[in-house]
Amino acid sequence: MNMGRSEFSERVLDICRKVPKGRITTYGEIARALGKPKASRVVGQALKRNPKPIETPCHRVVRSDGSLGGYGGPGRKGVEKKKSLLKKEGVRVEKDRIKIRNYLYRF
């Protein structure tokens, strides 16, 4: 049941669920996997409205430059939560950045 979400948003969430623990992907990678390579911002908006963050681990999605992007609403508190979750999974985060090549999961 999609509870008012678009088909695109549902597909974003489905793909996000495939990212394994301890790995990350980017908003752009998800957009490319959906056949919409220029839709990374729309991917971010879909993840922002993720209704089940435990089931759909959107904290594993970062910006293409390795910066964390948003999580759980605006502000520093969300970024700190995302960083904490990633670190618990073994992802090394330094100065709010990740060396993508070390953890990238491609679809």
Protein backbone atom coordinates (compact mmCIF):
# COMPACT_ATOMS: atom_id res chain seq x y z
CA MET A 1 0.00 0.00 0.00
CA ASN A 2 1.56 3.28 -1.06
CA MET A 3 -0.44 5.66 1.14
CA GLY A 4 -0.54 8.40 -1.51
CA ARG A 5 3.05 8.07 -2.73
CA SER A 6 3.78 8.11 -6.43
CA GLU A 7 4.92 5.07 -8.35
CA PHE A 8 8.32 6.76 -8.74
CA SER A 9 8.61 7.20 -4.95
CA GLU A 10 7.70 3.57 -4.39
CA ARG A 11 10.39 2.49 -6.86
CA VAL A 12 12.96 4.71 -5.09
CA LEU A 13 12.12 3.08 -1.76
CA ASP A 14 12.29 -0.41 -3.30
CA ILE A 15 15.77 0.26 -4.69
CA CYS A 16 16.96 1.82 -1.45
CA ARG A 17 16.06 -1.39 0.40
CA LYS A 18 18.63 -3.26 -1.72
CA VAL A 19 21.63 -1.35 -0.35
CA PRO A 20 23.35 -3.73 2.07
CA LYS A 21 24.42 -2.85 5.58
CA GLY A 22 27.84 -1.21 5.63
CA ARG A 23 27.53 0.08 2.06
CA ILE A 24 26.26 3.34 0.61
CA THR A 25 24.88 4.57 -2.67
CA THR A 26 24.14 8.01 -4.04
CA TYR A 27 20.96 9.81 -4.99
CA GLY A 28 22.31 9.81 -8.56
CA GLU A 29 22.95 6.05 -8.56
CA ILE A 30 19.34 5.44 -7.57
CA ALA A 31 18.15 7.85 -10.26
CA ARG A 32 20.24 6.02 -12.89
CA ALA A 33 18.93 2.65 -11.70
CA LEU A 34 15.43 3.98 -12.32
CA GLY A 35 16.35 5.13 -15.84
CA LYS A 36 16.06 8.80 -14.81
CA PRO A 37 19.70 9.94 -14.55
CA LYS A 38 18.80 13.60 -13.95
CA ALA A 39 16.32 12.89 -11.16
CA SER A 40 18.65 12.81 -8.15
CA ARG A 41 16.81 15.68 -6.43
CA VAL A 42 13.48 13.91 -6.88
CA VAL A 43 15.07 10.78 -5.40
CA GLY A 44 16.08 12.87 -2.39
CA GLN A 45 12.54 14.16 -2.00
CA ALA A 46 11.13 10.63 -2.14
CA LEU A 47 13.58 9.50 0.55
CA LYS A 48 12.74 12.53 2.67
CA ARG A 49 9.19 11.17 2.89
CA ASN A 50 10.31 7.63 3.74
CA PRO A 51 7.58 6.33 6.08
CA LYS A 52 9.62 3.41 7.47
CA PRO A 53 13.30 4.32 7.90
CA ILE A 54 14.07 1.03 9.70
CA GLU A 55 12.69 -1.00 6.80
CA THR A 56 14.02 1.34 4.10
CA PRO A 57 17.53 2.39 5.19
CA CYS A 58 17.69 5.78 3.51
CA HIS A 59 20.64 6.74 5.73
CA ARG A 60 22.73 4.69 3.28
CA VAL A 61 22.12 7.22 0.49
CA VAL A 62 24.57 10.14 0.21
CA ARG A 63 25.49 12.87 -2.25
CA SER A 64 27.78 12.06 -5.16
CA ASP A 65 30.61 14.13 -3.64
CA GLY A 66 30.56 11.94 -0.51
CA SER A 67 28.85 14.48 1.71
CA LEU A 68 26.04 13.06 3.79
CA GLY A 69 23.06 15.05 2.55
CA GLY A 70 19.98 15.33 4.70
CA TYR A 71 18.30 12.92 7.06
CA GLY A 72 15.26 13.08 9.29
CA GLY A 73 14.43 16.70 8.59
CA PRO A 74 16.46 19.86 8.31
CA GLY A 75 19.43 20.83 10.39
CA ARG A 76 22.47 19.39 12.05
CA LYS A 77 20.58 16.92 14.25
CA GLY A 78 19.52 14.84 11.23
CA VAL A 79 23.06 14.81 9.81
CA GLU A 80 24.45 13.64 13.16
CA LYS A 81 21.87 10.83 13.29
CA LYS A 82 22.73 9.72 9.74
CA LYS A 83 26.45 9.80 10.57
CA SER A 84 25.85 7.74 13.72
CA LEU A 85 23.85 5.09 11.84
CA LEU A 86 26.49 4.80 9.13
CA LYS A 87 29.31 4.51 11.67
CA LYS A 88 27.41 1.73 13.47
CA GLU A 89 27.41 -0.15 10.17
CA GLY A 90 31.17 0.26 9.77
CA VAL A 91 31.19 3.13 7.29
CA ARG A 92 34.01 5.56 7.99
CA VAL A 93 32.77 9.15 8.06
CA GLU A 94 35.31 11.96 8.32
CA LYS A 95 34.30 15.61 8.49
CA ASP A 96 30.78 14.68 7.34
CA ARG A 97 32.15 12.95 4.22
CA ILE A 98 32.57 9.40 3.02
CA LYS A 99 35.13 8.13 0.53
CA ILE A 100 32.51 6.80 -1.83
CA ARG A 101 34.79 4.40 -3.70
CA ASN A 102 35.34 2.46 -0.46
CA TYR A 103 31.66 1.75 0.17
CA LEU A 104 29.70 2.36 -3.04
CA TYR A 105 26.98 -0.11 -3.95
CA ARG A 106 25.93 0.01 -7.60
CA PHE A 107 22.75 -1.42 -9.01
